[in-house]
C-alpha atoms as a PDB file:
ATOM      1  CA  UNK A   1     -18.638  16.673   7.594  1.00  0.00           C
ATOM      2  CA  UNK A   2     -15.004  17.739   7.477  1.00  0.00           C
ATOM      3  CA  UNK A   3     -13.987  14.087   7.767  1.00  0.00           C
ATOM      4  CA  UNK A   4     -15.524  13.589   4.305  1.00  0.00           C
ATOM      5  CA  UNK A   5     -12.432  15.372   2.983  1.00  0.00           C
ATOM      6  CA  UNK A   6     -10.666  12.040   3.336  1.00  0.00           C
ATOM      7  CA  UNK A   7     -13.002  10.364   0.853  1.00  0.00           C
ATOM      8  CA  UNK A   8     -11.708  11.965  -2.380  1.00  0.00           C
ATOM      9  CA  UNK A   9      -8.224  10.525  -1.909  1.00  0.00           C
ATOM     10  CA  UNK A  10      -9.414   7.102  -0.802  1.00  0.00           C
ATOM     11  CA  UNK A  11     -12.116   6.774  -3.444  1.00  0.00           C
ATOM     12  CA  UNK A  12      -9.769   7.841  -6.227  1.00  0.00           C
ATOM     13  CA  UNK A  13      -7.139   5.325  -5.152  1.00  0.00           C
ATOM     14  CA  UNK A  14      -9.702   2.538  -4.970  1.00  0.00           C
ATOM     15  CA  UNK A  15     -11.172   3.386  -8.366  1.00  0.00           C
ATOM     16  CA  UNK A  16      -8.063   4.039 -10.440  1.00  0.00           C
ATOM     17  CA  UNK A  17      -6.325   0.978  -9.027  1.00  0.00           C
ATOM     18  CA  UNK A  18      -8.677  -1.222 -11.045  1.00  0.00           C
ATOM     19  CA  UNK A  19     -10.637   0.862 -13.552  1.00  0.00           C
ATOM     20  CA  UNK A  20      -7.929   0.474 -16.190  1.00  0.00           C
ATOM     21  CA  UNK A  21      -8.685  -3.268 -16.172  1.00  0.00           C
ATOM     22  CA  UNK A  22     -12.239  -2.732 -17.425  1.00  0.00           C
ATOM     23  CA  UNK A  23     -12.785  -3.818 -21.028  1.00  0.00           C
ATOM     24  CA  UNK A  24     -14.875  -0.745 -21.822  1.00  0.00           C
ATOM     25  CA  UNK A  25     -12.118   1.546 -20.570  1.00  0.00           C
ATOM     26  CA  UNK A  26      -9.457  -0.255 -22.596  1.00  0.00           C
ATOM     27  CA  UNK A  27     -11.639  -0.181 -25.701  1.00  0.00           C
ATOM     28  CA  UNK A  28     -12.593   3.492 -25.387  1.00  0.00           C
ATOM     29  CA  UNK A  29      -9.087   4.788 -24.681  1.00  0.00           C
ATOM     30  CA  UNK A  30      -7.215   2.178 -26.738  1.00  0.00           C
ATOM     31  CA  UNK A  31      -4.940   1.195 -23.865  1.00  0.00           C
ATOM     32  CA  UNK A  32      -4.059  -2.096 -22.204  1.00  0.00           C
ATOM     33  CA  UNK A  33      -1.793  -2.830 -19.222  1.00  0.00           C
ATOM     34  CA  UNK A  34       0.508  -4.942 -21.402  1.00  0.00           C
ATOM     35  CA  UNK A  35       0.509  -2.816 -24.539  1.00  0.00           C
ATOM     36  CA  UNK A  36       0.502   0.668 -22.993  1.00  0.00           C
ATOM     37  CA  UNK A  37       2.015   0.419 -19.499  1.00  0.00           C
ATOM     38  CA  UNK A  38       3.319   4.011 -19.534  1.00  0.00           C
ATOM     39  CA  UNK A  39      -0.083   5.460 -20.404  1.00  0.00           C
ATOM     40  CA  UNK A  40      -1.753   3.341 -17.737  1.00  0.00           C
ATOM     41  CA  UNK A  41       0.821   4.581 -15.231  1.00  0.00           C
ATOM     42  CA  UNK A  42       0.148   8.191 -16.257  1.00  0.00           C
ATOM     43  CA  UNK A  43      -3.599   7.775 -15.879  1.00  0.00           C
ATOM     44  CA  UNK A  44      -3.194   6.429 -12.362  1.00  0.00           C
ATOM     45  CA  UNK A  45      -0.452   8.765 -11.142  1.00  0.00           C
ATOM     46  CA  UNK A  46      -1.279  12.125 -12.774  1.00  0.00           C
ATOM     47  CA  UNK A  47      -3.577  12.958  -9.889  1.00  0.00           C
ATOM     48  CA  UNK A  48      -0.578  13.011  -7.530  1.00  0.00           C
ATOM     49  CA  UNK A  49       1.106  15.832  -9.458  1.00  0.00           C
ATOM     50  CA  UNK A  50      -1.546  18.418  -8.704  1.00  0.00           C
ATOM     51  CA  UNK A  51      -2.444  16.815  -5.364  1.00  0.00           C
ATOM     52  CA  UNK A  52       0.897  17.983  -4.022  1.00  0.00           C
ATOM     53  CA  UNK A  53       0.434  21.420  -5.549  1.00  0.00           C
ATOM     54  CA  UNK A  54      -3.104  21.701  -4.196  1.00  0.00           C
ATOM     55  CA  UNK A  55      -2.001  20.723  -0.713  1.00  0.00           C
ATOM     56  CA  UNK A  56       0.956  23.113  -0.797  1.00  0.00           C
ATOM     57  CA  UNK A  57      -0.996  26.169  -1.883  1.00  0.00           C
ATOM     58  CA  UNK A  58      -4.213  25.455  -0.019  1.00  0.00           C
ATOM     59  CA  UNK A  59      -2.959  27.431   2.968  1.00  0.00           C
ATOM     60  CA  UNK A  60      -3.094  30.550   0.803  1.00  0.00           C
ATOM     61  CA  UNK A  61      -6.841  30.022   0.472  1.00  0.00           C
ATOM     62  CA  UNK A  62      -7.746  28.426   3.803  1.00  0.00           C
ATOM     63  CA  UNK A  63      -6.808  31.470   5.866  1.00  0.00           C
ATOM     64  CA  UNK A  64      -8.256  33.916   3.348  1.00  0.00           C
ATOM     65  CA  UNK A  65     -11.788  32.581   2.840  1.00  0.00           C
ATOM     66  CA  UNK A  66     -12.182  30.359   5.896  1.00  0.00           C
ATOM     67  CA  UNK A  67     -12.580  26.638   6.437  1.00  0.00           C
ATOM     68  CA  UNK A  68     -16.169  26.272   5.208  1.00  0.00           C
ATOM     69  CA  UNK A  69     -15.732  28.026   1.860  1.00  0.00           C
ATOM     70  CA  UNK A  70     -12.385  26.294   1.339  1.00  0.00           C
ATOM     71  CA  UNK A  71     -14.142  22.979   1.970  1.00  0.00           C
ATOM     72  CA  UNK A  72     -16.814  23.818  -0.613  1.00  0.00           C
ATOM     73  CA  UNK A  73     -14.289  25.034  -3.168  1.00  0.00           C
ATOM     74  CA  UNK A  74     -12.041  21.982  -2.956  1.00  0.00           C
ATOM     75  CA  UNK A  75     -14.976  19.572  -3.089  1.00  0.00           C
ATOM     76  CA  UNK A  76     -16.259  21.384  -6.186  1.00  0.00           C
ATOM     77  CA  UNK A  77     -12.852  21.142  -7.881  1.00  0.00           C
ATOM     78  CA  UNK A  78     -12.749  17.429  -7.117  1.00  0.00           C
ATOM     79  CA  UNK A  79     -16.226  16.968  -8.615  1.00  0.00           C
ATOM     80  CA  UNK A  80     -15.331  18.940 -11.752  1.00  0.00           C
ATOM     81  CA  UNK A  81     -12.316  16.710 -12.297  1.00  0.00           C
ATOM     82  CA  UNK A  82     -14.486  13.600 -12.087  1.00  0.00           C
ATOM     83  CA  UNK A  83     -17.040  15.039 -14.505  1.00  0.00           C
ATOM     84  CA  UNK A  84     -14.261  15.721 -17.024  1.00  0.00           C
ATOM     85  CA  UNK A  85     -13.020  12.148 -16.635  1.00  0.00           C
ATOM     86  CA  UNK A  86     -16.521  10.741 -17.046  1.00  0.00           C
ATOM     87  CA  UNK A  87     -17.210  12.561 -20.302  1.00  0.00           C
ATOM     88  CA  UNK A  88     -13.676  12.570 -21.724  1.00  0.00           C
ATOM     89  CA  UNK A  89     -15.016  10.490 -24.616  1.00  0.00           C
ATOM     90  CA  UNK A  90     -11.985   8.321 -25.169  1.00  0.00           C
ATOM     91  CA  UNK A  91      -9.594  11.279 -25.348  1.00  0.00           C
ATOM     92  CA  UNK A  92      -6.480  10.651 -23.283  1.00  0.00           C
ATOM     93  CA  UNK A  93      -5.553  14.384 -23.115  1.00  0.00           C
ATOM     94  CA  UNK A  94      -9.033  15.151 -21.752  1.00  0.00           C
ATOM     95  CA  UNK A  95      -8.685  12.318 -19.257  1.00  0.00           C
ATOM     96  CA  UNK A  96      -5.296  13.652 -18.158  1.00  0.00           C
ATOM     97  CA  UNK A  97      -6.794  17.122 -17.666  1.00  0.00           C
ATOM     98  CA  UNK A  98      -9.550  15.623 -15.550  1.00  0.00           C
ATOM     99  CA  UNK A  99      -6.997  13.765 -13.461  1.00  0.00           C
ATOM    100  CA  UNK A 100      -4.991  16.940 -12.905  1.00  0.00           C
ATOM    101  CA  UNK A 101      -8.068  18.962 -11.921  1.00  0.00           C
ATOM    102  CA  UNK A 102      -9.240  16.212  -9.599  1.00  0.00           C
ATOM    103  CA  UNK A 103      -5.794  16.007  -8.019  1.00  0.00           C
ATOM    104  CA  UNK A 104      -5.865  19.670  -7.031  1.00  0.00           C
ATOM    105  CA  UNK A 105      -9.101  19.079  -5.146  1.00  0.00           C
ATOM    106  CA  UNK A 106      -7.860  15.855  -3.566  1.00  0.00           C
ATOM    107  CA  UNK A 107      -4.676  17.460  -2.251  1.00  0.00           C
ATOM    108  CA  UNK A 108      -6.398  20.558  -0.911  1.00  0.00           C
ATOM    109  CA  UNK A 109      -9.138  18.494   0.772  1.00  0.00           C
ATOM    110  CA  UNK A 110      -6.483  16.475   2.577  1.00  0.00           C
ATOM    111  CA  UNK A 111      -5.321  19.712   4.226  1.00  0.00           C
ATOM    112  CA  UNK A 112      -8.509  21.581   5.091  1.00  0.00           C
ATOM    113  CA  UNK A 113     -10.275  18.503   6.509  1.00  0.00           C
ATOM    114  CA  UNK A 114      -7.876  17.634   9.348  1.00  0.00           C
ATOM    115  CA  UNK A 115      -7.192  21.335   9.942  1.00  0.00           C
ATOM    116  CA  UNK A 116     -10.858  22.145  10.529  1.00  0.00           C
ATOM    117  CA  UNK A 117     -11.411  19.048  12.666  1.00  0.00           C
ATOM    118  CA  UNK A 118      -8.470  19.904  14.924  1.00  0.00           C
ATOM    119  CA  UNK A 119      -9.642  23.512  15.303  1.00  0.00           C
ATOM    120  CA  UNK A 120     -13.221  22.568  16.163  1.00  0.00           C
ATOM    121  CA  UNK A 121     -12.922  19.331  18.163  1.00  0.00           C
ATOM    122  CA  UNK A 122     -12.599  19.482  21.971  1.00  0.00           C
ATOM    123  CA  UNK A 123      -9.058  18.899  23.197  1.00  0.00           C
ATOM    124  CA  UNK A 124     -10.035  15.683  25.007  1.00  0.00           C
ATOM    125  CA  UNK A 125     -11.363  14.010  21.836  1.00  0.00           C
ATOM    126  CA  UNK A 126      -9.302  15.782  19.188  1.00  0.00           C
ATOM    127  CA  UNK A 127      -7.284  12.715  18.238  1.00  0.00           C
ATOM    128  CA  UNK A 128     -10.390  10.534  18.007  1.00  0.00           C
ATOM    129  CA  UNK A 129     -12.231  13.082  15.871  1.00  0.00           C
ATOM    130  CA  UNK A 130      -9.276  13.423  13.504  1.00  0.00           C
ATOM    131  CA  UNK A 131      -9.237   9.642  13.156  1.00  0.00           C
ATOM    132  CA  UNK A 132     -12.562   9.863  11.329  1.00  0.00           C
ATOM    133  CA  UNK A 133     -10.709  11.461   8.418  1.00  0.00           C
ATOM    134  CA  UNK A 134      -8.751   8.211   8.006  1.00  0.00           C
ATOM    135  CA  UNK A 135     -11.894   6.128   8.505  1.00  0.00           C
ATOM    136  CA  UNK A 136     -13.601   7.972   5.661  1.00  0.00           C
ATOM    137  CA  UNK A 137     -10.519   7.672   3.456  1.00  0.00           C
ATOM    138  CA  UNK A 138     -10.140   3.915   3.912  1.00  0.00           C
ATOM    139  CA  UNK A 139     -13.881   3.254   3.707  1.00  0.00           C
ATOM    140  CA  UNK A 140     -14.146   5.143   0.429  1.00  0.00           C
ATOM    141  CA  UNK A 141     -11.159   3.230  -0.929  1.00  0.00           C
ATOM    142  CA  UNK A 142     -13.091   0.023  -0.361  1.00  0.00           C
ATOM    143  CA  UNK A 143     -16.208   1.547  -1.950  1.00  0.00           C
ATOM    144  CA  UNK A 144     -14.196   2.570  -5.006  1.00  0.00           C
ATOM    145  CA  UNK A 145     -12.805  -0.931  -5.465  1.00  0.00           C
ATOM    146  CA  UNK A 146     -16.194  -2.622  -5.156  1.00  0.00           C
ATOM    147  CA  UNK A 147     -17.834  -0.054  -7.443  1.00  0.00           C
ATOM    148  CA  UNK A 148     -15.444  -1.025 -10.217  1.00  0.00           C
ATOM    149  CA  UNK A 149     -15.952  -4.703  -9.379  1.00  0.00           C
ATOM    150  CA  UNK A 150     -19.724  -4.307  -9.561  1.00  0.00           C
ATOM    151  CA  UNK A 151     -19.549  -2.520 -12.907  1.00  0.00           C
ATOM    152  CA  UNK A 152     -17.256  -5.221 -14.247  1.00  0.00           C
ATOM    153  CA  UNK A 153     -19.732  -7.926 -13.240  1.00  0.00           C
ATOM    154  CA  UNK A 154     -23.050  -6.265 -14.040  1.00  0.00           C
ATOM    155  CA  UNK A 155     -22.461  -3.659 -16.790  1.00  0.00           C
ATOM    156  CA  UNK A 156     -21.753  -4.785 -20.333  1.00  0.00           C
ATOM    157  CA  UNK A 157     -18.244  -4.120 -21.623  1.00  0.00           C
ATOM    158  CA  UNK A 158     -19.884  -2.859 -24.811  1.00  0.00           C
ATOM    159  CA  UNK A 159     -21.229   0.160 -22.911  1.00  0.00           C
ATOM    160  CA  UNK A 160     -19.135   3.134 -21.850  1.00  0.00           C
ATOM    161  CA  UNK A 161     -21.152   3.183 -18.636  1.00  0.00           C
ATOM    162  CA  UNK A 162     -18.922   0.387 -17.391  1.00  0.00           C
ATOM    163  CA  UNK A 163     -16.097   2.864 -16.744  1.00  0.00           C
ATOM    164  CA  UNK A 164     -18.155   6.072 -16.553  1.00  0.00           C
ATOM    165  CA  UNK A 165     -20.130   4.988 -13.500  1.00  0.00           C
ATOM    166  CA  UNK A 166     -17.047   4.498 -11.252  1.00  0.00           C
ATOM    167  CA  UNK A 167     -15.837   7.973 -12.215  1.00  0.00           C
ATOM    168  CA  UNK A 168     -19.184   9.732 -11.867  1.00  0.00           C
ATOM    169  CA  UNK A 169     -20.352   8.231  -8.568  1.00  0.00           C
ATOM    170  CA  UNK A 170     -17.410   9.963  -6.901  1.00  0.00           C
ATOM    171  CA  UNK A 171     -19.346  13.209  -7.419  1.00  0.00           C
ATOM    172  CA  UNK A 172     -21.848  12.072  -4.783  1.00  0.00           C
ATOM    173  CA  UNK A 173     -19.352  12.845  -2.018  1.00  0.00           C
ATOM    174  CA  UNK A 174     -18.859  16.544  -2.895  1.00  0.00           C
ATOM    175  CA  UNK A 175     -22.579  16.890  -3.673  1.00  0.00           C
ATOM    176  CA  UNK A 176     -23.491  15.648  -0.202  1.00  0.00           C
ATOM    177  CA  UNK A 177     -20.641  17.537   1.460  1.00  0.00           C
ATOM    178  CA  UNK A 178     -21.393  20.895  -0.160  1.00  0.00           C
ATOM    179  CA  UNK A 179     -25.133  20.562   0.493  1.00  0.00           C
ATOM    180  CA  UNK A 180     -24.705  19.598   4.141  1.00  0.00           C
ATOM    181  CA  UNK A 181     -22.094  22.314   4.708  1.00  0.00           C
ATOM    182  CA  UNK A 182     -24.928  24.791   5.261  1.00  0.00           C
ATOM    183  CA  UNK A 183     -25.194  23.268   8.736  1.00  0.00           C
ATOM    184  CA  UNK A 184     -21.501  23.756   9.525  1.00  0.00           C
ATOM    185  CA  UNK A 185     -20.104  26.469  11.762  1.00  0.00           C
ATOM    186  CA  UNK A 186     -16.905  28.284  10.926  1.00  0.00           C
ATOM    187  CA  UNK A 187     -13.896  27.380  13.055  1.00  0.00           C
ATOM    188  CA  UNK A 188     -13.803  29.725  16.081  1.00  0.00           C
ATOM    189  CA  UNK A 189     -10.032  29.940  15.848  1.00  0.00           C
ATOM    190  CA  UNK A 190     -10.172  31.276  12.286  1.00  0.00           C
ATOM    191  CA  UNK A 191     -12.788  33.839  13.317  1.00  0.00           C
ATOM    192  CA  UNK A 192     -10.495  34.866  16.151  1.00  0.00           C
ATOM    193  CA  UNK A 193      -7.587  35.222  13.714  1.00  0.00           C
ATOM    194  CA  UNK A 194      -9.810  37.543  11.678  1.00  0.00           C
ATOM    195  CA  UNK A 195     -10.544  39.645  14.776  1.00  0.00           C
ATOM    196  CA  UNK A 196     -14.196  38.572  14.740  1.00  0.00           C
ATOM    197  CA  UNK A 197     -14.072  37.818  18.444  1.00  0.00           C
ATOM    198  CA  UNK A 198     -17.765  38.110  19.295  1.00  0.00           C
ATOM    199  CA  UNK A 199     -18.699  35.783  16.445  1.00  0.00           C
ATOM    200  CA  UNK A 200     -15.916  33.396  17.452  1.00  0.00           C
ATOM    201  CA  UNK A 201     -17.170  33.187  21.050  1.00  0.00           C
ATOM    202  CA  UNK A 202     -20.770  32.773  19.903  1.00  0.00           C
ATOM    203  CA  UNK A 203     -19.754  29.986  17.523  1.00  0.00           C
ATOM    204  CA  UNK A 204     -17.753  28.243  20.241  1.00  0.00           C
ATOM    205  CA  UNK A 205     -20.781  28.346  22.545  1.00  0.00           C
ATOM    206  CA  UNK A 206     -22.988  26.891  19.797  1.00  0.00           C
ATOM    207  CA  UNK A 207     -20.555  24.093  18.936  1.00  0.00           C
ATOM    208  CA  UNK A 208     -20.038  23.075  22.558  1.00  0.00           C
ATOM    209  CA  UNK A 209     -23.725  23.385  23.420  1.00  0.00           C
ATOM    210  CA  UNK A 210     -22.927  25.236  26.640  1.00  0.00           C
ATOM    211  CA  UNK A 211     -23.662  28.690  28.025  1.00  0.00           C
ATOM    212  CA  UNK A 212     -21.394  31.712  27.629  1.00  0.00           C
ATOM    213  CA  UNK A 213     -20.436  31.626  31.293  1.00  0.00           C
ATOM    214  CA  UNK A 214     -19.723  27.901  31.514  1.00  0.00           C
ATOM    215  CA  UNK A 215     -16.224  27.276  32.966  1.00  0.00           C
ATOM    216  CA  UNK A 216     -15.265  24.940  30.102  1.00  0.00           C
ATOM    217  CA  UNK A 217     -16.178  27.522  27.461  1.00  0.00           C
ATOM    218  CA  UNK A 218     -14.417  30.319  29.325  1.00  0.00           C
ATOM    219  CA  UNK A 219     -11.265  28.241  29.757  1.00  0.00           C
ATOM    220  CA  UNK A 220     -11.184  27.188  26.103  1.00  0.00           C
ATOM    221  CA  UNK A 221     -11.891  30.723  24.916  1.00  0.00           C
ATOM    222  CA  UNK A 222      -9.148  32.223  27.073  1.00  0.00           C
ATOM    223  CA  UNK A 223      -6.666  29.627  25.859  1.00  0.00           C
ATOM    224  CA  UNK A 224      -7.618  30.150  22.216  1.00  0.00           C
ATOM    225  CA  UNK A 225      -7.628  33.941  22.291  1.00  0.00           C
ATOM    226  CA  UNK A 226      -4.312  34.079  24.179  1.00  0.00           C
ATOM    227  CA  UNK A 227      -2.675  31.727  21.678  1.00  0.00           C
ATOM    228  CA  UNK A 228      -3.927  33.756  18.710  1.00  0.00           C
ATOM    229  CA  UNK A 229      -2.767  36.994  20.335  1.00  0.00           C
ATOM    230  CA  UNK A 230       0.726  35.559  20.919  1.00  0.00           C
ATOM    231  CA  UNK A 231       0.933  34.322  17.335  1.00  0.00           C
ATOM    232  CA  UNK A 232      -0.045  37.717  15.967  1.00  0.00           C
ATOM    233  CA  UNK A 233       2.466  39.453  18.187  1.00  0.00           C
ATOM    234  CA  UNK A 234       5.295  37.073  17.325  1.00  0.00           C
ATOM    235  CA  UNK A 235       4.602  36.288  13.677  1.00  0.00           C
ATOM    236  CA  UNK A 236       2.441  39.140  12.465  1.00  0.00           C
ATOM    237  CA  UNK A 237      -0.965  37.576  11.876  1.00  0.00           C
ATOM    238  CA  UNK A 238      -2.185  35.936   8.669  1.00  0.00           C
ATOM    239  CA  UNK A 239       0.459  37.142   6.210  1.00  0.00           C
ATOM    240  CA  UNK A 240       2.001  34.438   4.051  1.00  0.00           C
ATOM    241  CA  UNK A 241       5.484  35.349   5.224  1.00  0.00           C
ATOM    242  CA  UNK A 242       4.420  35.049   8.838  1.00  0.00           C
ATOM    243  CA  UNK A 243       2.826  31.655   8.173  1.00  0.00           C
ATOM    244  CA  UNK A 244       6.011  30.348   6.566  1.00  0.00           C
ATOM    245  CA  UNK A 245       8.092  31.779   9.403  1.00  0.00           C
ATOM    246  CA  UNK A 246       5.862  30.126  11.992  1.00  0.00           C
ATOM    247  CA  UNK A 247       6.031  26.803  10.139  1.00  0.00           C
ATOM    248  CA  UNK A 248       9.776  26.600   9.587  1.00  0.00           C
ATOM    249  CA  UNK A 249      11.176  28.749  12.402  1.00  0.00           C
ATOM    250  CA  UNK A 250       9.180  27.334  15.309  1.00  0.00           C
ATOM    251  CA  UNK A 251      10.889  24.157  16.426  1.00  0.00           C
ATOM    252  CA  UNK A 252       7.738  22.301  17.493  1.00  0.00           C
ATOM    253  CA  UNK A 253       6.006  23.065  14.186  1.00  0.00           C
ATOM    254  CA  UNK A 254       9.076  22.051  12.195  1.00  0.00           C
ATOM    255  CA  UNK A 255       9.224  18.742  14.060  1.00  0.00           C
ATOM    256  CA  UNK A 256       5.563  18.126  13.259  1.00  0.00           C
ATOM    257  CA  UNK A 257       6.215  18.921   9.603  1.00  0.00           C
ATOM    258  CA  UNK A 258       9.142  16.504   9.463  1.00  0.00           C
ATOM    259  CA  UNK A 259       7.073  13.781  11.134  1.00  0.00           C
ATOM    260  CA  UNK A 260       4.209  14.218   8.664  1.00  0.00           C
ATOM    261  CA  UNK A 261       6.547  14.177   5.642  1.00  0.00           C
ATOM    262  CA  UNK A 262       8.282  10.994   6.819  1.00  0.00           C
ATOM    263  CA  UNK A 263       4.946   9.326   7.620  1.00  0.00           C
ATOM    264  CA  UNK A 264       3.575  10.170   4.166  1.00  0.00           C
ATOM    265  CA  UNK A 265       6.710   8.869   2.446  1.00  0.00           C
ATOM    266  CA  UNK A 266       6.444   5.586   4.352  1.00  0.00           C
ATOM    267  CA  UNK A 267       2.722   5.378   3.562  1.00  0.00           C
END
């Protein structure tokens, strides 16, 4: 379920890469790639403005309300943005607002998804499980492209539905994700950070499908609880200052941050 957080970014990229070519879109918003290149560029790229902001500030929310409620919140924001875009009624300012709202959800989803997967997945398959985030992102990009293609071929350019459908169908992802999230378990590590140790151990047992006294569970629990205890002792728990200090003052974390930034720039 957390891998679905990759779909907002991929689906948006696949959709906006071609939706501006639809005749209904050009007619409704009075824009064309040749006549209004700057406006077309704004429509496509505005989502990236708030995507960066959403990703940057998501850590303020993730550690406060947990991974599940953060997941639901960001998916809802993404859906609201798409609804605004769908019913913007030919108003470019309304479309821009929708793009900005959607971007906040897209950016935040790109943080909480991999974070939750890494915290929940077993160490032996952690990399493979995280890969599903990319699989969902790239698959949804393809879906977005073919959705626009299908609307171009089978929906009349005289109808606004030609461009509204590609925007609105993106709401299916958050609808499914939020509904199915009732079956999710909170990340044991976050529960441990919140000093809810009994609940954290119980959740770990449920996720692994093993007994409380199983050696694998005991080893993972000891490793997790010791790591959290060291972090609290060294950095002071969940305070924002301590999080920033841990990110930028711990060499291994700083190296990871630099690697991610460079990889994203090259992407």
